C-alpha atoms as a PDB file:
ATOM      1  CA  MET A   1      45.427-176.796 -51.591  1.00  0.00           C
ATOM      2  CA  ASN A   2      48.963-177.784 -52.598  1.00  0.00           C
ATOM      3  CA  ILE A   3      50.467-180.422 -50.338  1.00  0.00           C
ATOM      4  CA  GLU A   4      54.168-180.137 -51.312  1.00  0.00           C
ATOM      5  CA  PRO A   5      54.603-176.488 -50.274  1.00  0.00           C
ATOM      6  CA  LEU A   6      52.650-177.232 -47.092  1.00  0.00           C
ATOM      7  CA  ILE A   7      54.943-180.123 -46.196  1.00  0.00           C
ATOM      8  CA  ALA A   8      57.999-177.952 -46.909  1.00  0.00           C
ATOM      9  CA  GLU A   9      56.608-175.136 -44.753  1.00  0.00           C
ATOM     10  CA  LEU A  10      55.957-177.478 -41.816  1.00  0.00           C
ATOM     11  CA  ARG A  11      59.320-179.214 -42.222  1.00  0.00           C
ATOM     12  CA  ASN A  12      61.420-176.055 -42.413  1.00  0.00           C
ATOM     13  CA  ASP A  13      59.333-173.489 -40.494  1.00  0.00           C
ATOM     14  CA  PRO A  14      61.415-170.730 -42.155  1.00  0.00           C
ATOM     15  CA  LEU A  15      59.718-167.919 -40.217  1.00  0.00           C
ATOM     16  CA  SER A  16      60.102-169.748 -36.898  1.00  0.00           C
ATOM     17  CA  ARG A  17      56.379-169.660 -36.230  1.00  0.00           C
ATOM     18  CA  GLY A  18      56.639-172.754 -34.068  1.00  0.00           C
ATOM     19  CA  TYR A  19      54.404-175.062 -36.081  1.00  0.00           C
ATOM     20  CA  ALA A  20      55.672-178.132 -34.194  1.00  0.00           C
ATOM     21  CA  ALA A  21      54.189-176.850 -30.932  1.00  0.00           C
ATOM     22  CA  MET A  22      50.853-175.840 -32.482  1.00  0.00           C
ATOM     23  CA  THR A  23      47.695-177.850 -32.943  1.00  0.00           C
ATOM     24  CA  ALA A  24      46.594-178.520 -36.513  1.00  0.00           C
ATOM     25  CA  GLN A  25      43.904-175.850 -36.119  1.00  0.00           C
ATOM     26  CA  GLN A  26      46.471-173.309 -34.893  1.00  0.00           C
ATOM     27  CA  VAL A  27      48.787-174.072 -37.817  1.00  0.00           C
ATOM     28  CA  ALA A  28      45.946-173.599 -40.304  1.00  0.00           C
ATOM     29  CA  ALA A  29      44.975-170.305 -38.639  1.00  0.00           C
ATOM     30  CA  SER A  30      48.601-169.144 -38.695  1.00  0.00           C
ATOM     31  CA  LEU A  31      48.959-169.976 -42.375  1.00  0.00           C
ATOM     32  CA  LEU A  32      45.712-168.207 -43.266  1.00  0.00           C
ATOM     33  CA  ALA A  33      46.332-165.048 -41.218  1.00  0.00           C
ATOM     34  CA  VAL A  34      46.834-162.108 -43.589  1.00  0.00           C
ATOM     35  CA  ASP A  35      49.968-160.797 -41.912  1.00  0.00           C
ATOM     36  CA  ARG A  36      52.790-160.944 -44.454  1.00  0.00           C
ATOM     37  CA  THR A  37      53.780-157.712 -46.222  1.00  0.00           C
ATOM     38  CA  ILE A  38      55.790-158.572 -49.310  1.00  0.00           C
ATOM     39  CA  GLN A  39      57.015-157.055 -52.546  1.00  0.00           C
ATOM     40  CA  GLN A  40      55.137-158.627 -55.411  1.00  0.00           C
ATOM     41  CA  ALA A  41      54.800-158.067 -59.111  1.00  0.00           C
ATOM     42  CA  ARG A  42      51.825-155.772 -59.436  1.00  0.00           C
ATOM     43  CA  ALA A  43      50.522-153.751 -62.328  1.00  0.00           C
ATOM     44  CA  VAL A  44      50.908-150.041 -61.641  1.00  0.00           C
ATOM     45  CA  THR A  45      48.908-147.492 -63.594  1.00  0.00           C
ATOM     46  CA  ARG A  46      49.173-143.735 -63.826  1.00  0.00           C
ATOM     47  CA  LEU A  47      46.222-143.470 -61.427  1.00  0.00           C
ATOM     48  CA  ASP A  48      48.169-145.462 -58.818  1.00  0.00           C
ATOM     49  CA  LEU A  49      50.737-142.694 -58.649  1.00  0.00           C
ATOM     50  CA  ASN A  50      48.000-140.351 -57.434  1.00  0.00           C
ATOM     51  CA  ARG A  51      46.065-142.902 -55.403  1.00  0.00           C
ATOM     52  CA  TYR A  52      49.065-143.608 -53.181  1.00  0.00           C
ATOM     53  CA  GLY A  53      49.416-139.971 -52.273  1.00  0.00           C
ATOM     54  CA  LEU A  54      52.599-139.198 -54.147  1.00  0.00           C
ATOM     55  CA  ALA A  55      52.817-135.436 -54.109  1.00  0.00           C
ATOM     56  CA  ALA A  56      55.271-135.684 -56.966  1.00  0.00           C
ATOM     57  CA  ALA A  57      53.093-137.916 -59.161  1.00  0.00           C
ATOM     58  CA  ASP A  58      52.881-135.390 -61.986  1.00  0.00           C
ATOM     59  CA  LYS A  59      56.659-134.897 -62.109  1.00  0.00           C
ATOM     60  CA  ILE A  60      57.223-138.656 -62.053  1.00  0.00           C
ATOM     61  CA  TRP A  61      54.681-139.124 -64.830  1.00  0.00           C
ATOM     62  CA  LYS A  62      56.362-136.462 -66.981  1.00  0.00           C
ATOM     63  CA  ALA A  63      59.739-138.119 -66.382  1.00  0.00           C
ATOM     64  CA  ILE A  64      58.320-141.508 -67.417  1.00  0.00           C
ATOM     65  CA  LEU A  65      56.825-139.966 -70.557  1.00  0.00           C
ATOM     66  CA  ALA A  66      60.129-138.335 -71.447  1.00  0.00           C
ATOM     67  CA  ALA A  67      62.203-141.438 -70.740  1.00  0.00           C
ATOM     68  CA  ASN A  68      60.040-144.187 -72.176  1.00  0.00           C
ATOM     69  CA  ALA A  69      56.856-143.501 -74.119  1.00  0.00           C
ATOM     70  CA  GLN A  70      56.112-147.235 -74.452  1.00  0.00           C
ATOM     71  CA  LEU A  71      56.191-147.670 -70.675  1.00  0.00           C
ATOM     72  CA  ALA A  72      53.887-144.681 -70.280  1.00  0.00           C
ATOM     73  CA  TYR A  73      51.502-146.262 -72.798  1.00  0.00           C
ATOM     74  CA  THR A  74      51.607-149.536 -70.851  1.00  0.00           C
ATOM     75  CA  MET A  75      50.842-147.731 -67.616  1.00  0.00           C
ATOM     76  CA  GLU A  76      47.885-145.990 -69.240  1.00  0.00           C
ATOM     77  CA  ASN A  77      46.539-149.236 -70.706  1.00  0.00           C
ATOM     78  CA  GLY A  78      46.546-151.853 -67.979  1.00  0.00           C
ATOM     79  CA  GLY A  79      49.621-151.100 -65.921  1.00  0.00           C
ATOM     80  CA  ALA A  80      53.286-151.944 -65.625  1.00  0.00           C
ATOM     81  CA  ASP A  81      54.989-154.117 -63.016  1.00  0.00           C
ATOM     82  CA  ALA A  82      56.220-151.836 -60.218  1.00  0.00           C
ATOM     83  CA  ASN A  83      59.194-154.150 -59.682  1.00  0.00           C
ATOM     84  CA  ALA A  84      60.113-154.405 -63.369  1.00  0.00           C
ATOM     85  CA  ALA A  85      63.626-153.291 -64.216  1.00  0.00           C
ATOM     86  CA  GLU A  86      62.449-150.810 -66.853  1.00  0.00           C
ATOM     87  CA  VAL A  87      60.105-149.148 -64.367  1.00  0.00           C
ATOM     88  CA  ARG A  88      62.687-148.985 -61.591  1.00  0.00           C
ATOM     89  CA  ALA A  89      65.353-147.781 -64.056  1.00  0.00           C
ATOM     90  CA  ILE A  90      63.248-144.691 -64.744  1.00  0.00           C
ATOM     91  CA  ILE A  91      61.809-143.986 -61.312  1.00  0.00           C
ATOM     92  CA  ASP A  92      64.758-144.784 -59.024  1.00  0.00           C
ATOM     93  CA  PRO A  93      67.139-142.154 -60.464  1.00  0.00           C
ATOM     94  CA  ILE A  94      64.408-139.522 -60.185  1.00  0.00           C
ATOM     95  CA  ILE A  95      63.991-140.373 -56.515  1.00  0.00           C
ATOM     96  CA  THR A  96      67.727-140.674 -55.843  1.00  0.00           C
ATOM     97  CA  ALA A  97      68.311-137.236 -57.339  1.00  0.00           C
ATOM     98  CA  ASN A  98      65.429-135.968 -55.170  1.00  0.00           C
ATOM     99  CA  VAL A  99      64.039-134.259 -58.254  1.00  0.00           C
ATOM    100  CA  VAL A 100      60.493-134.905 -57.156  1.00  0.00           C
ATOM    101  CA  GLY A 101      60.793-134.971 -53.376  1.00  0.00           C
ATOM    102  CA  ALA A 102      59.229-138.420 -53.040  1.00  0.00           C
ATOM    103  CA  LYS A 103      60.860-141.286 -51.178  1.00  0.00           C
ATOM    104  CA  ASN A 104      61.645-144.786 -52.421  1.00  0.00           C
ATOM    105  CA  SER A 105      59.480-146.049 -49.579  1.00  0.00           C
ATOM    106  CA  GLU A 106      56.486-144.232 -51.076  1.00  0.00           C
ATOM    107  CA  LEU A 107      57.090-145.815 -54.459  1.00  0.00           C
ATOM    108  CA  SER A 108      57.663-149.270 -53.028  1.00  0.00           C
ATOM    109  CA  VAL A 109      54.101-149.122 -51.684  1.00  0.00           C
ATOM    110  CA  LEU A 110      53.017-149.543 -55.288  1.00  0.00           C
ATOM    111  CA  ALA A 111      54.411-153.089 -55.301  1.00  0.00           C
ATOM    112  CA  THR A 112      53.670-154.021 -51.686  1.00  0.00           C
ATOM    113  CA  VAL A 113      50.840-156.354 -50.786  1.00  0.00           C
ATOM    114  CA  THR A 114      49.717-157.997 -47.560  1.00  0.00           C
ATOM    115  CA  VAL A 115      49.030-161.697 -47.903  1.00  0.00           C
ATOM    116  CA  SER A 116      48.748-164.844 -45.844  1.00  0.00           C
ATOM    117  CA  ARG A 117      51.663-167.231 -45.501  1.00  0.00           C
ATOM    118  CA  ALA A 118      49.536-169.779 -47.381  1.00  0.00           C
ATOM    119  CA  ASP A 119      49.284-167.354 -50.323  1.00  0.00           C
ATOM    120  CA  GLU A 120      52.962-166.458 -50.153  1.00  0.00           C
ATOM    121  CA  CYS A 121      54.029-170.121 -50.298  1.00  0.00           C
ATOM    122  CA  MET A 122      51.311-171.057 -52.810  1.00  0.00           C
ATOM    123  CA  ILE A 123      49.789-173.532 -50.374  1.00  0.00           C
ATOM    124  CA  GLY A 124      46.305-172.242 -51.104  1.00  0.00           C
ATOM    125  CA  ARG A 125      43.598-170.386 -49.246  1.00  0.00           C
ATOM    126  CA  ASP A 126      41.634-173.550 -48.622  1.00  0.00           C
ATOM    127  CA  VAL A 127      44.184-175.187 -46.292  1.00  0.00           C
ATOM    128  CA  ASN A 128      42.528-176.611 -43.179  1.00  0.00           C
ATOM    129  CA  TRP A 129      43.401-178.667 -40.113  1.00  0.00           C
ATOM    130  CA  GLN A 130      42.907-181.952 -41.974  1.00  0.00           C
ATOM    131  CA  ASP A 131      45.510-180.875 -44.518  1.00  0.00           C
ATOM    132  CA  ILE A 132      47.895-180.099 -41.659  1.00  0.00           C
ATOM    133  CA  GLU A 133      47.331-183.564 -40.171  1.00  0.00           C
ATOM    134  CA  PHE A 134      47.935-185.163 -43.568  1.00  0.00           C
ATOM    135  CA  ALA A 135      51.144-183.166 -44.076  1.00  0.00           C
ATOM    136  CA  ARG A 136      52.373-184.031 -40.586  1.00  0.00           C
ATOM    137  CA  ALA A 137      51.726-187.718 -41.264  1.00  0.00           C
ATOM    138  CA  ALA A 138      53.724-187.413 -44.487  1.00  0.00           C
ATOM    139  CA  LEU A 139      56.599-185.854 -42.527  1.00  0.00           C
ATOM    140  CA  VAL A 140      56.569-188.712 -40.011  1.00  0.00           C
ATOM    141  CA  LYS A 141      56.570-191.240 -42.865  1.00  0.00           C
ATOM    142  CA  GLU A 142      59.394-189.313 -44.552  1.00  0.00           C
ATOM    143  CA  ALA A 143      61.482-189.464 -41.359  1.00  0.00           C
ATOM    144  CA  ASN A 144      61.118-193.248 -41.064  1.00  0.00           C
END
């Protein structure tokens, strides 16, 4: 558990979750709830194109091969970051031109994950009510 991001989260409450009105147990439960869908660097492989139901996966793959053989190799051998500029530079124009009939929203699924707020802020999955109490005490001390 990382205390600094926890203190910042409680101080700022950037998502307006209402931490100040919650018990320590409620805050911990809120932070650990897996309810945040975010774009995140994620390795995308050729199989992912099919796994996510992209009807145009074969056309996209051929376009990637034609545009950047090194990227295609990377995707075949461990994956490429779906948010990486070189990946988006190849895929986005294909989608924009509607060459393959897929939508950007379908492709963005490749880099979308659902996480807890604790994961998103790098607080840690082991945060508990005692940590909340400690962080709140630190905030009170900080204010005085």
